[in-house]
């Protein structure tokens, strides 16, 4: 069964990942969450290690995908 994603989550993935189509069709939620976490760590923090505006949005997407796919 494919990971449950809402339209705004799909849009975010397509805007931020070259391999978004493969991620979107994944059957394992961690196939999406792991690269998303890596991207948040890479570009989601400011110089004080607080989430920047993009990081806050990305973290919300991460959390929503996680909670919408709990078993």
N, C-alpha and C. Protein backbone atom coordinates (compact mmCIF):
# COMPACT_ATOMS: atom_id res chain seq x y z
N UNK A 1 0.83 -1.18 0.00
CA UNK A 1 0.00 0.00 0.00
C UNK A 1 0.88 1.25 0.00
N UNK A 2 0.55 2.19 -0.84
CA UNK A 2 1.33 3.42 -0.95
C UNK A 2 1.14 4.29 0.29
N UNK A 3 2.12 5.12 0.54
CA UNK A 3 2.07 6.08 1.64
C UNK A 3 0.96 7.09 1.35
N UNK A 4 0.19 7.41 2.39
CA UNK A 4 -0.89 8.40 2.25
C UNK A 4 -0.30 9.79 2.25
N UNK A 5 -0.55 10.52 1.15
CA UNK A 5 -0.06 11.89 1.03
C UNK A 5 -1.20 12.80 0.57
N UNK A 6 -1.23 14.00 1.12
CA UNK A 6 -2.20 15.00 0.68
C UNK A 6 -1.58 15.87 -0.40
N UNK A 7 -2.41 16.60 -1.11
CA UNK A 7 -1.94 17.38 -2.26
C UNK A 7 -0.82 18.34 -1.90
N UNK A 8 -0.92 19.06 -0.78
CA UNK A 8 0.13 20.02 -0.43
C UNK A 8 1.44 19.32 -0.07
N UNK A 9 1.36 18.10 0.42
CA UNK A 9 2.58 17.34 0.71
C UNK A 9 3.25 16.89 -0.58
N UNK A 10 2.44 16.44 -1.53
CA UNK A 10 2.97 16.05 -2.85
C UNK A 10 3.62 17.25 -3.52
N UNK A 11 2.97 18.40 -3.46
CA UNK A 11 3.52 19.62 -4.06
C UNK A 11 4.86 19.97 -3.43
N UNK A 12 4.94 19.90 -2.11
CA UNK A 12 6.19 20.19 -1.41
C UNK A 12 7.30 19.23 -1.85
N UNK A 13 7.00 17.95 -1.91
CA UNK A 13 8.00 16.98 -2.34
C UNK A 13 8.48 17.26 -3.76
N UNK A 14 7.55 17.59 -4.65
CA UNK A 14 7.92 17.87 -6.04
C UNK A 14 8.78 19.13 -6.15
N UNK A 15 8.54 20.10 -5.27
CA UNK A 15 9.33 21.33 -5.29
C UNK A 15 10.73 21.14 -4.72
N UNK A 16 10.94 20.10 -3.93
CA UNK A 16 12.20 19.98 -3.20
C UNK A 16 13.03 18.74 -3.50
N UNK A 17 12.49 17.80 -4.27
CA UNK A 17 13.23 16.57 -4.57
C UNK A 17 13.17 16.26 -6.06
N UNK A 18 14.33 15.99 -6.64
CA UNK A 18 14.39 15.60 -8.05
C UNK A 18 13.73 14.25 -8.26
N UNK A 19 13.79 13.38 -7.26
CA UNK A 19 13.21 12.04 -7.36
C UNK A 19 11.83 11.97 -6.68
N UNK A 20 11.11 13.08 -6.70
CA UNK A 20 9.81 13.17 -6.00
C UNK A 20 8.83 12.10 -6.46
N UNK A 21 8.79 11.80 -7.75
CA UNK A 21 7.84 10.80 -8.24
C UNK A 21 8.07 9.44 -7.59
N UNK A 22 9.33 9.07 -7.43
CA UNK A 22 9.65 7.79 -6.77
C UNK A 22 9.26 7.85 -5.29
N UNK A 23 9.52 8.97 -4.65
CA UNK A 23 9.15 9.11 -3.24
C UNK A 23 7.64 9.00 -3.07
N UNK A 24 6.91 9.68 -3.91
CA UNK A 24 5.45 9.72 -3.82
C UNK A 24 4.84 8.33 -3.99
N UNK A 25 5.46 7.50 -4.79
CA UNK A 25 4.93 6.16 -5.05
C UNK A 25 5.45 5.11 -4.06
N UNK A 26 6.20 5.55 -3.08
CA UNK A 26 6.79 4.63 -2.12
C UNK A 26 5.72 3.92 -1.29
N UNK A 27 6.05 2.71 -0.87
CA UNK A 27 5.16 1.93 -0.02
C UNK A 27 5.57 2.01 1.44
N UNK A 28 6.73 2.59 1.72
CA UNK A 28 7.23 2.70 3.09
C UNK A 28 7.38 4.18 3.45
N UNK A 29 6.77 4.57 4.54
CA UNK A 29 6.79 5.98 4.93
C UNK A 29 8.21 6.47 5.18
N UNK A 30 9.09 5.61 5.69
CA UNK A 30 10.47 6.04 5.94
C UNK A 30 11.24 6.32 4.66
N UNK A 31 10.79 5.79 3.53
CA UNK A 31 11.42 6.12 2.25
C UNK A 31 11.21 7.59 1.91
N UNK A 32 10.20 8.20 2.50
CA UNK A 32 9.95 9.64 2.32
C UNK A 32 10.53 10.42 3.49
N UNK A 33 10.31 9.94 4.70
CA UNK A 33 10.72 10.69 5.89
C UNK A 33 12.23 10.80 6.03
N UNK A 34 12.96 9.76 5.69
CA UNK A 34 14.42 9.81 5.85
C UNK A 34 15.06 10.90 4.98
N UNK A 35 14.78 10.94 3.67
CA UNK A 35 15.38 12.01 2.88
C UNK A 35 14.85 13.40 3.26
N UNK A 36 13.59 13.47 3.69
CA UNK A 36 13.03 14.74 4.12
C UNK A 36 13.76 15.23 5.37
N UNK A 37 14.04 14.34 6.30
CA UNK A 37 14.79 14.69 7.50
C UNK A 37 16.19 15.19 7.14
N UNK A 38 16.84 14.51 6.23
CA UNK A 38 18.18 14.93 5.80
C UNK A 38 18.15 16.33 5.19
N UNK A 39 17.12 16.61 4.41
CA UNK A 39 17.00 17.93 3.79
C UNK A 39 16.72 19.00 4.84
N UNK A 40 15.90 18.67 5.84
CA UNK A 40 15.64 19.63 6.92
C UNK A 40 16.94 19.95 7.65
N UNK A 41 17.73 18.95 7.95
CA UNK A 41 19.00 19.17 8.63
C UNK A 41 19.92 20.02 7.76
N UNK A 42 19.90 19.81 6.45
CA UNK A 42 20.79 20.50 5.53
C UNK A 42 20.40 21.96 5.33
N UNK A 43 19.11 22.26 5.16
CA UNK A 43 18.74 23.64 4.83
C UNK A 43 17.65 24.24 5.69
N UNK A 44 17.25 23.55 6.75
CA UNK A 44 16.12 24.02 7.53
C UNK A 44 16.45 24.79 8.80
N UNK A 45 17.73 25.06 9.03
CA UNK A 45 18.11 25.75 10.26
C UNK A 45 18.86 27.03 9.97
N UNK A 46 18.71 28.01 10.87
CA UNK A 46 19.46 29.25 10.73
C UNK A 46 20.80 29.13 11.46
N UNK A 47 21.52 30.24 11.54
CA UNK A 47 22.85 30.21 12.15
C UNK A 47 22.82 29.93 13.66
N UNK A 48 21.66 30.10 14.28
CA UNK A 48 21.51 29.79 15.71
C UNK A 48 20.94 28.39 15.95
N UNK A 49 20.85 27.61 14.90
CA UNK A 49 20.32 26.24 14.95
C UNK A 49 18.84 26.18 15.35
N UNK A 50 18.12 27.24 15.00
CA UNK A 50 16.67 27.25 15.12
C UNK A 50 16.10 27.00 13.74
N UNK A 51 14.92 26.37 13.69
CA UNK A 51 14.30 26.16 12.39
C UNK A 51 14.03 27.51 11.72
N UNK A 52 14.45 27.64 10.48
CA UNK A 52 14.11 28.84 9.72
C UNK A 52 12.69 28.67 9.15
N UNK A 53 12.22 29.63 8.38
CA UNK A 53 10.86 29.58 7.86
C UNK A 53 10.63 28.34 7.00
N UNK A 54 11.57 28.05 6.11
CA UNK A 54 11.45 26.85 5.27
C UNK A 54 11.48 25.60 6.15
N UNK A 55 12.36 25.58 7.14
CA UNK A 55 12.49 24.43 8.02
C UNK A 55 11.22 24.16 8.81
N UNK A 56 10.54 25.22 9.24
CA UNK A 56 9.28 25.06 9.95
C UNK A 56 8.22 24.42 9.06
N UNK A 57 8.16 24.88 7.82
CA UNK A 57 7.20 24.32 6.86
C UNK A 57 7.54 22.85 6.59
N UNK A 58 8.81 22.57 6.37
CA UNK A 58 9.25 21.20 6.08
C UNK A 58 8.99 20.29 7.28
N UNK A 59 9.22 20.78 8.48
CA UNK A 59 8.99 19.97 9.68
C UNK A 59 7.51 19.65 9.83
N UNK A 60 6.64 20.60 9.50
CA UNK A 60 5.19 20.36 9.56
C UNK A 60 4.80 19.30 8.54
N UNK A 61 5.35 19.36 7.35
CA UNK A 61 5.09 18.35 6.32
C UNK A 61 5.55 16.98 6.84
N UNK A 62 6.75 16.93 7.40
CA UNK A 62 7.29 15.69 7.96
C UNK A 62 6.34 15.12 9.01
N UNK A 63 5.95 15.96 9.96
CA UNK A 63 5.06 15.50 11.04
C UNK A 63 3.73 15.01 10.50
N UNK A 64 3.16 15.75 9.56
CA UNK A 64 1.86 15.35 8.99
C UNK A 64 1.96 14.01 8.27
N UNK A 65 3.00 13.81 7.49
CA UNK A 65 3.18 12.54 6.79
C UNK A 65 3.33 11.41 7.81
N UNK A 66 4.13 11.65 8.84
CA UNK A 66 4.34 10.66 9.88
C UNK A 66 3.01 10.27 10.54
N UNK A 67 2.27 11.26 11.02
CA UNK A 67 1.04 10.96 11.77
C UNK A 67 -0.09 10.42 10.89
N UNK A 68 -0.11 10.79 9.62
CA UNK A 68 -1.14 10.28 8.71
C UNK A 68 -0.87 8.85 8.26
N UNK A 69 0.30 8.34 8.58
CA UNK A 69 0.66 6.99 8.14
C UNK A 69 1.00 6.08 9.30
N UNK A 70 0.55 6.43 10.49
CA UNK A 70 0.75 5.54 11.64
C UNK A 70 -0.10 4.30 11.46
N UNK A 71 0.41 3.20 11.92
CA UNK A 71 -0.34 1.93 11.78
C UNK A 71 -1.10 1.64 13.03
